[in-house]
Amino acid sequence: MEMVVQRIFVIVILGLFTLIPCYAAIPSTTQRLINKVNKDGPYLGIVIPNMFEMNPLLQHSNFQSTNTIDFAGKRFRFGTIHEQQVVLVMTGLAMINAGATTQLLLSLFNIKGVVHYGIAGNANSSMNIGDVTIPQFWAHTALWNWQRYGDGPDDELALEINGDYTRKIGYLNFANYSTNVGNCSSGDNFLNNVWYQPEEIFPVDGVPEQRQHAFWLPIDSYYLEISKKLEGLELEKCVNSTTCLSTTPKVAIVSKGASANIFLDNASYRDFLYDKFGISLVDMESAAVALVCRQQRVPYVVFRALSDLAGGGSAESNEAAAFASLAANNSVVVVVEFVRILASMEWEWQSLNM
């Protein structure tokens, strides 16, 4: 009797499992749409953090919309820019949203390259609000090993011996930024040191479950060469008839950019990043896009327009909201021109090989 009851219980449980829908699966209607658009690919993926940064592109005369596919809370907008097939997707704020959306884009669709754009905080006092920057390298600067109080630069970090953490990249000593210390030693602070760490990555062409490490992530060399043709592009300097910048914005290739899940509005940390690492701009998404593209071996480039000098100190109005719309518009101008040049070069290459 006990055996019969057990068998009935197992049958009932299995029956219940068959009634639970598999939400991770792609609905058949959506899969058919994905299959259809992929046959018409490949596409240039354009990854955008927020709607106010996307709207200028949606409204641009050179963007022609064809259709959309909604899946997993994301809307993938298909169309063309200068006859280049593109798919646009908005990520939402910060690193997890940016990384997850980029991975979803690359997993679902036939993507030949990724363009990421938006606004950013300036960390380089020689740059100006409204400038559109093209960093050659990106890093995630909020992966830390926070060292215990009492240990110093010569002391091994926790788990360093296993290869999990390193002291090769550098550290931030909080004591260097103490104020009003009175009779206390200015060389001491309970927060001690944080050590910057590389990301663990698992490239698509690597061995599964065997990690590699990466801190600086280079943009694609071909996309960089195309980007050099953008320098000298005319950009807007006025938000409206009464709000204008004192200098005309420019397109500039810079050395490095950084991302973290932090809205940086602190001059001391801004200067630290520039002095320590040569970082010219900061945002909350680009390094996540870069990391996914690096793992999937997909070429990428990032365009970020400066909306404020992080932490203040600019002669211009330094509230991020004051020039955010101008910065977003300028970044779109650069993206559209980049796509135009890319499309023309691809057309020329195809013509030569016909």
Protein backbone atom coordinates (compact mmCIF):
# COMPACT_ATOMS: atom_id res chain seq x y z
CA MET A 1 0.00 0.00 0.00
CA GLU A 2 2.82 2.40 0.89
CA MET A 3 4.47 1.76 -2.48
CA VAL A 4 1.20 2.53 -4.32
CA VAL A 5 0.81 5.80 -2.41
CA GLN A 6 4.38 6.82 -3.29
CA ARG A 7 3.77 6.09 -6.98
CA ILE A 8 0.55 8.13 -6.95
CA PHE A 9 2.39 11.01 -5.24
CA VAL A 10 5.15 10.96 -7.89
CA ILE A 11 2.58 10.92 -10.73
CA VAL A 12 0.71 13.88 -9.20
CA ILE A 13 3.95 15.91 -8.79
CA LEU A 14 5.02 15.19 -12.38
CA GLY A 15 1.58 16.21 -13.57
CA LEU A 16 1.84 19.52 -11.73
CA PHE A 17 5.21 20.24 -13.34
CA THR A 18 3.68 19.80 -16.80
CA LEU A 19 1.17 22.55 -15.95
CA ILE A 20 3.87 25.10 -15.03
CA PRO A 21 4.72 27.25 -18.07
CA CYS A 22 8.37 27.64 -19.01
CA TYR A 23 8.77 31.39 -18.92
CA ALA A 24 12.43 31.19 -19.96
CA ALA A 25 11.47 29.85 -23.39
CA ILE A 26 10.94 32.19 -26.34
CA PRO A 27 7.26 32.18 -27.42
CA SER A 28 6.82 30.55 -30.82
CA THR A 29 5.40 33.71 -32.41
CA THR A 30 8.38 35.72 -31.17
CA GLN A 31 10.82 33.06 -32.35
CA ARG A 32 9.32 33.21 -35.84
CA LEU A 33 9.81 36.98 -35.90
CA ILE A 34 13.41 36.57 -34.74
CA ASN A 35 14.09 33.95 -37.41
CA LYS A 36 12.63 36.21 -40.07
CA VAL A 37 14.69 39.30 -39.20
CA ASN A 38 17.86 37.24 -38.80
CA LYS A 39 17.50 36.01 -42.39
CA ASP A 40 17.61 39.65 -43.44
CA GLY A 41 20.68 40.43 -41.33
CA PRO A 42 23.32 41.04 -40.22
CA TYR A 43 22.57 44.21 -38.26
CA LEU A 44 24.55 46.86 -36.51
CA GLY A 45 23.38 46.85 -32.91
CA ILE A 46 22.90 50.27 -31.32
CA VAL A 47 22.74 50.10 -27.54
CA ILE A 48 21.40 53.14 -25.68
CA PRO A 49 21.08 53.68 -21.90
CA ASN A 50 17.91 55.79 -21.61
CA MET A 51 14.93 57.00 -23.59
CA PHE A 52 15.99 60.67 -23.58
CA GLU A 53 19.20 59.54 -25.30
CA MET A 54 17.30 57.31 -27.74
CA ASN A 55 14.63 59.82 -28.76
CA PRO A 56 16.93 62.08 -30.82
CA LEU A 57 17.89 59.06 -32.92
CA LEU A 58 14.31 57.86 -33.31
CA GLN A 59 13.39 61.36 -34.51
CA HIS A 60 16.41 61.74 -36.79
CA SER A 61 15.59 62.09 -40.48
CA ASN A 62 18.12 59.41 -41.43
CA PHE A 63 16.58 56.73 -39.20
CA GLN A 64 13.89 54.77 -41.00
CA SER A 65 11.96 52.38 -38.76
CA THR A 66 10.79 49.03 -40.13
CA ASN A 67 9.48 46.94 -37.23
CA THR A 68 9.89 46.06 -33.55
CA ILE A 69 10.19 42.87 -31.53
CA ASP A 70 9.39 42.85 -27.80
CA PHE A 71 10.98 40.19 -25.62
CA ALA A 72 12.06 39.86 -21.98
CA GLY A 73 11.07 43.42 -21.13
CA LYS A 74 13.09 44.86 -24.01
CA ARG A 75 11.95 46.43 -27.27
CA PHE A 76 14.22 45.82 -30.25
CA ARG A 77 13.62 48.48 -32.90
CA PHE A 78 14.68 47.55 -36.44
CA GLY A 79 15.37 50.03 -39.19
CA THR A 80 18.03 51.63 -41.34
CA ILE A 81 20.44 54.55 -41.04
CA HIS A 82 21.94 55.55 -44.39
CA GLU A 83 20.80 52.15 -45.72
CA GLN A 84 22.74 50.37 -42.97
CA GLN A 85 20.50 47.85 -41.24
CA VAL A 86 20.37 48.56 -37.51
CA VAL A 87 18.58 47.37 -34.41
CA LEU A 88 18.17 49.77 -31.50
CA VAL A 89 17.64 48.73 -27.90
CA MET A 90 17.39 50.69 -24.65
CA THR A 91 19.17 49.13 -21.67
CA GLY A 92 18.06 51.14 -18.66
CA LEU A 93 20.35 52.54 -16.00
CA ALA A 94 23.66 51.04 -14.87
CA MET A 95 25.87 48.02 -15.41
CA ILE A 96 23.56 45.04 -14.91
CA ASN A 97 20.91 46.42 -17.26
CA ALA A 98 23.54 47.31 -19.86
CA GLY A 99 25.30 43.96 -19.72
CA ALA A 100 22.13 41.85 -19.71
CA THR A 101 20.61 43.80 -22.60
CA THR A 102 23.76 43.58 -24.70
CA GLN A 103 24.00 39.84 -24.13
CA LEU A 104 20.33 39.42 -25.06
CA LEU A 105 20.87 41.43 -28.25
CA LEU A 106 23.85 39.30 -29.28
CA SER A 107 22.17 36.02 -28.34
CA LEU A 108 18.91 36.66 -30.19
CA PHE A 109 19.95 38.46 -33.34
CA ASN A 110 22.45 38.37 -36.19
CA ILE A 111 24.69 41.24 -35.02
CA LYS A 112 27.91 42.19 -36.81
CA GLY A 113 28.95 44.99 -34.47
CA VAL A 114 27.78 47.18 -31.60
CA VAL A 115 27.62 50.95 -31.26
CA HIS A 116 26.97 52.31 -27.79
CA TYR A 117 26.29 55.98 -27.14
CA GLY A 118 24.94 58.39 -24.54
CA ILE A 119 26.05 61.12 -22.17
CA ALA A 120 28.82 61.03 -19.54
CA GLY A 121 30.52 62.99 -16.80
CA ASN A 122 33.78 64.70 -17.65
CA ALA A 123 36.87 63.71 -15.66
CA ASN A 124 39.38 65.59 -17.82
CA SER A 125 39.54 69.34 -17.21
CA SER A 126 40.94 69.91 -20.71
CA MET A 127 37.67 68.67 -22.22
CA ASN A 128 34.45 70.70 -22.34
CA ILE A 129 30.74 70.16 -21.87
CA GLY A 130 29.15 69.12 -25.17
CA ASP A 131 32.29 67.41 -26.49
CA VAL A 132 31.74 63.90 -27.85
CA THR A 133 34.47 61.53 -26.71
CA ILE A 134 35.61 58.24 -28.21
CA PRO A 135 37.65 56.36 -25.59
CA GLN A 136 40.09 53.78 -26.92
CA PHE A 137 39.82 51.69 -23.72
CA TRP A 138 37.13 51.06 -21.12
CA ALA A 139 37.32 49.73 -17.56
CA HIS A 140 34.90 48.83 -14.79
CA THR A 141 36.31 50.74 -11.81
CA ALA A 142 34.02 49.52 -9.03
CA LEU A 143 35.23 45.94 -8.69
CA TRP A 144 37.32 46.20 -5.54
CA ASN A 145 39.08 44.21 -2.89
CA TRP A 146 38.55 46.31 0.24
CA GLN A 147 41.59 45.77 2.42
CA ARG A 148 41.20 45.29 6.15
CA TYR A 149 42.24 48.06 8.47
CA GLY A 150 45.86 47.72 9.60
CA ASP A 151 47.09 46.15 6.36
CA GLY A 152 48.96 48.16 3.76
CA PRO A 153 50.33 48.02 0.21
CA ASP A 154 52.92 45.40 1.10
CA ASP A 155 50.37 43.04 2.68
CA GLU A 156 48.79 40.28 0.63
CA LEU A 157 45.07 40.67 -0.06
CA ALA A 158 42.52 38.12 0.99
CA LEU A 159 42.42 35.29 -1.60
CA GLU A 160 45.23 36.89 -3.58
CA ILE A 161 47.27 33.71 -3.28
CA ASN A 162 44.54 31.84 -5.21
CA GLY A 163 44.70 34.29 -8.10
CA ASP A 164 41.27 35.70 -7.29
CA TYR A 165 42.57 39.19 -6.54
CA THR A 166 45.61 41.27 -7.42
CA ARG A 167 47.58 44.37 -6.36
CA LYS A 168 48.89 44.99 -9.89
CA ILE A 169 46.34 47.60 -10.99
CA GLY A 170 46.46 50.00 -8.07
CA TYR A 171 44.56 51.21 -5.02
CA LEU A 172 42.80 54.16 -3.45
CA ASN A 173 43.95 55.17 0.04
CA PHE A 174 41.10 56.89 1.85
CA ALA A 175 43.48 58.53 4.32
CA ASN A 176 44.78 60.72 1.51
CA TYR A 177 41.39 62.43 1.42
CA SER A 178 40.82 63.00 5.13
CA THR A 179 39.93 66.53 6.26
CA ASN A 180 39.73 68.24 9.65
CA VAL A 181 41.88 65.55 11.23
CA GLY A 182 42.95 67.72 14.17
CA ASN A 183 45.52 65.92 16.29
CA CYS A 184 44.94 62.63 14.50
CA SER A 185 47.43 61.23 12.06
CA SER A 186 46.49 62.24 8.52
CA GLY A 187 47.99 58.97 7.30
CA ASP A 188 45.32 56.82 8.93
CA ASN A 189 41.69 56.07 8.15
CA PHE A 190 39.46 53.18 9.22
CA LEU A 191 38.31 52.78 5.60
CA ASN A 192 41.93 51.98 4.68
CA ASN A 193 42.46 50.97 1.02
CA VAL A 194 40.44 49.63 -1.88
CA TRP A 195 42.31 47.76 -4.62
CA TYR A 196 41.02 47.85 -8.20
CA GLN A 197 40.39 44.45 -9.76
CA PRO A 198 40.03 43.10 -13.30
CA GLU A 199 36.86 41.39 -14.44
CA GLU A 200 36.67 37.63 -14.81
CA ILE A 201 35.70 36.91 -18.40
CA PHE A 202 34.85 33.72 -20.26
CA PRO A 203 35.34 34.34 -24.00
CA VAL A 204 33.10 32.53 -26.43
CA ASP A 205 36.18 31.05 -28.11
CA GLY A 206 37.83 30.09 -24.82
CA VAL A 207 37.55 26.97 -22.70
CA PRO A 208 34.25 26.91 -20.75
CA GLU A 209 34.65 27.56 -17.02
CA GLN A 210 38.28 28.61 -17.43
CA ARG A 211 38.42 32.28 -16.51
CA GLN A 212 40.52 35.00 -18.02
CA HIS A 213 41.03 38.48 -16.58
CA ALA A 214 40.59 41.86 -18.21
CA PHE A 215 40.69 45.40 -16.82
CA TRP A 216 41.25 47.59 -19.90
CA LEU A 217 38.97 46.71 -22.80
CA PRO A 218 39.96 48.14 -26.22
CA ILE A 219 37.40 49.23 -28.79
CA ASP A 220 37.56 47.62 -32.21
CA SER A 221 40.56 48.83 -34.23
CA TYR A 222 38.59 49.15 -37.48
CA TYR A 223 35.86 51.15 -35.75
CA LEU A 224 38.59 53.34 -34.24
CA GLU A 225 39.99 54.11 -37.68
CA ILE A 226 36.53 55.11 -38.90
CA SER A 227 36.05 57.22 -35.76
CA LYS A 228 39.14 59.27 -36.63
CA LYS A 229 37.20 60.57 -39.63
CA LEU A 230 34.65 62.11 -37.24
CA GLU A 231 37.06 64.64 -35.76
CA GLY A 232 36.10 68.06 -37.07
CA LEU A 233 32.39 67.18 -37.27
CA GLU A 234 30.19 70.21 -36.56
CA LEU A 235 28.27 69.94 -33.27
CA GLU A 236 25.65 72.07 -31.55
CA LYS A 237 26.60 74.52 -28.79
CA CYS A 238 23.16 75.89 -27.81
CA VAL A 239 20.30 74.24 -25.97
CA ASN A 240 18.03 77.11 -27.01
CA SER A 241 18.25 80.80 -27.88
CA THR A 242 19.26 81.76 -24.35
CA THR A 243 21.38 78.79 -23.17
CA CYS A 244 24.63 78.28 -25.06
CA LEU A 245 28.10 76.98 -24.32
CA SER A 246 31.04 79.39 -24.42
CA THR A 247 33.06 77.01 -26.61
CA THR A 248 31.99 75.01 -29.66
CA PRO A 249 31.90 71.28 -28.85
CA LYS A 250 34.21 68.92 -30.70
CA VAL A 251 34.68 65.23 -31.34
CA ALA A 252 37.77 63.87 -29.58
CA ILE A 253 39.42 60.48 -29.38
CA VAL A 254 40.63 60.04 -25.80
CA SER A 255 42.63 57.35 -24.09
CA LYS A 256 40.31 55.89 -21.46
CA GLY A 257 36.80 55.86 -20.04
CA ALA A 258 35.39 54.19 -16.93
CA SER A 259 32.04 52.86 -15.76
CA ALA A 260 30.60 51.96 -12.37
CA ASN A 261 27.22 51.71 -10.67
CA ILE A 262 27.90 55.16 -9.27
CA PHE A 263 26.72 58.60 -10.37
CA LEU A 264 30.01 60.40 -9.88
CA ASP A 265 29.69 64.02 -8.76
CA ASN A 266 32.83 64.32 -6.64
CA ALA A 267 35.83 66.34 -7.79
CA SER A 268 38.41 64.51 -5.66
CA TYR A 269 37.52 61.09 -6.97
CA ARG A 270 37.24 62.49 -10.49
CA ASP A 271 40.79 63.83 -10.23
CA PHE A 272 42.02 60.57 -8.71
CA LEU A 273 40.69 58.57 -11.67
CA TYR A 274 42.30 60.93 -14.15
CA ASP A 275 45.64 61.18 -12.32
CA LYS A 276 45.87 57.46 -11.50
CA PHE A 277 44.50 55.87 -14.65
CA GLY A 278 44.22 58.62 -17.28
CA ILE A 279 40.44 58.31 -17.33
CA SER A 280 38.78 61.20 -19.20
CA LEU A 281 35.09 60.38 -18.68
CA VAL A 282 32.83 58.39 -16.41
CA ASP A 283 29.44 56.77 -16.93
CA MET A 284 27.35 53.86 -15.66
CA GLU A 285 27.01 51.48 -18.63
CA SER A 286 29.77 51.48 -21.26
CA ALA A 287 32.18 49.06 -19.60
CA ALA A 288 29.38 46.49 -19.26
CA VAL A 289 28.68 46.72 -22.99
CA ALA A 290 32.41 46.45 -23.64
CA LEU A 291 32.78 43.38 -21.42
CA VAL A 292 29.97 41.49 -23.14
CA CYS A 293 31.27 42.38 -26.60
CA ARG A 294 34.77 41.32 -25.52
CA GLN A 295 33.49 37.96 -24.32
CA GLN A 296 31.42 37.39 -27.46
CA ARG A 297 34.20 38.65 -29.80
CA VAL A 298 31.88 41.24 -31.35
CA PRO A 299 33.45 44.55 -32.48
CA TYR A 300 32.22 47.62 -30.62
CA VAL A 301 32.73 51.35 -30.27
CA VAL A 302 31.42 53.86 -27.72
CA PHE A 303 30.50 57.51 -28.21
CA ARG A 304 29.86 59.53 -25.06
CA ALA A 305 29.00 63.24 -25.00
CA LEU A 306 30.03 65.20 -21.90
CA SER A 307 27.12 66.74 -20.02
CA ASP A 308 28.97 68.06 -16.95
CA LEU A 309 32.33 68.22 -15.21
CA ALA A 310 31.91 65.55 -12.53
CA GLY A 311 32.09 67.21 -9.12
CA GLY A 312 31.93 70.80 -10.40
CA GLY A 313 34.53 73.39 -11.21
CA SER A 314 33.47 74.27 -14.75
CA ALA A 315 32.89 77.85 -15.82
CA GLU A 316 29.65 76.67 -17.46
CA SER A 317 26.51 75.81 -15.58
CA ASN A 318 27.55 72.48 -14.18
CA GLU A 319 24.24 70.88 -13.41
CA ALA A 320 24.04 67.70 -15.48
CA ALA A 321 20.44 68.46 -16.43
CA ALA A 322 21.33 71.84 -17.97
CA PHE A 323 23.17 70.42 -20.98
CA ALA A 324 22.05 66.78 -20.97
CA SER A 325 19.76 67.28 -23.97
CA LEU A 326 22.52 69.06 -25.92
CA ALA A 327 24.97 66.27 -25.10
CA ALA A 328 22.46 63.59 -26.15
CA ASN A 329 21.80 65.37 -29.46
CA ASN A 330 25.51 65.73 -30.17
CA SER A 331 26.13 62.05 -29.49
CA VAL A 332 23.41 61.15 -32.01
CA VAL A 333 24.97 63.43 -34.65
CA VAL A 334 28.23 61.52 -34.23
CA VAL A 335 26.56 58.09 -34.30
CA VAL A 336 24.66 58.84 -37.51
CA GLU A 337 27.82 60.07 -39.23
CA PHE A 338 29.76 57.02 -38.03
CA VAL A 339 27.09 54.72 -39.47
CA ARG A 340 27.14 56.66 -42.76
CA ILE A 341 30.90 56.24 -43.12
CA LEU A 342 30.75 52.58 -42.09
CA ALA A 343 27.99 51.87 -44.61
CA SER A 344 29.87 53.61 -47.42
CA MET A 345 33.10 51.74 -46.68
CA GLU A 346 31.26 48.42 -46.58
CA TRP A 347 29.57 49.24 -49.89
CA GLU A 348 32.92 50.08 -51.48
CA TRP A 349 34.42 46.83 -50.19
CA GLN A 350 31.51 44.81 -51.53
CA SER A 351 31.80 46.55 -54.91
CA LEU A 352 35.47 45.66 -55.17
CA ASN A 353 34.76 42.01 -54.36
CA MET A 354 31.80 41.45 -56.68
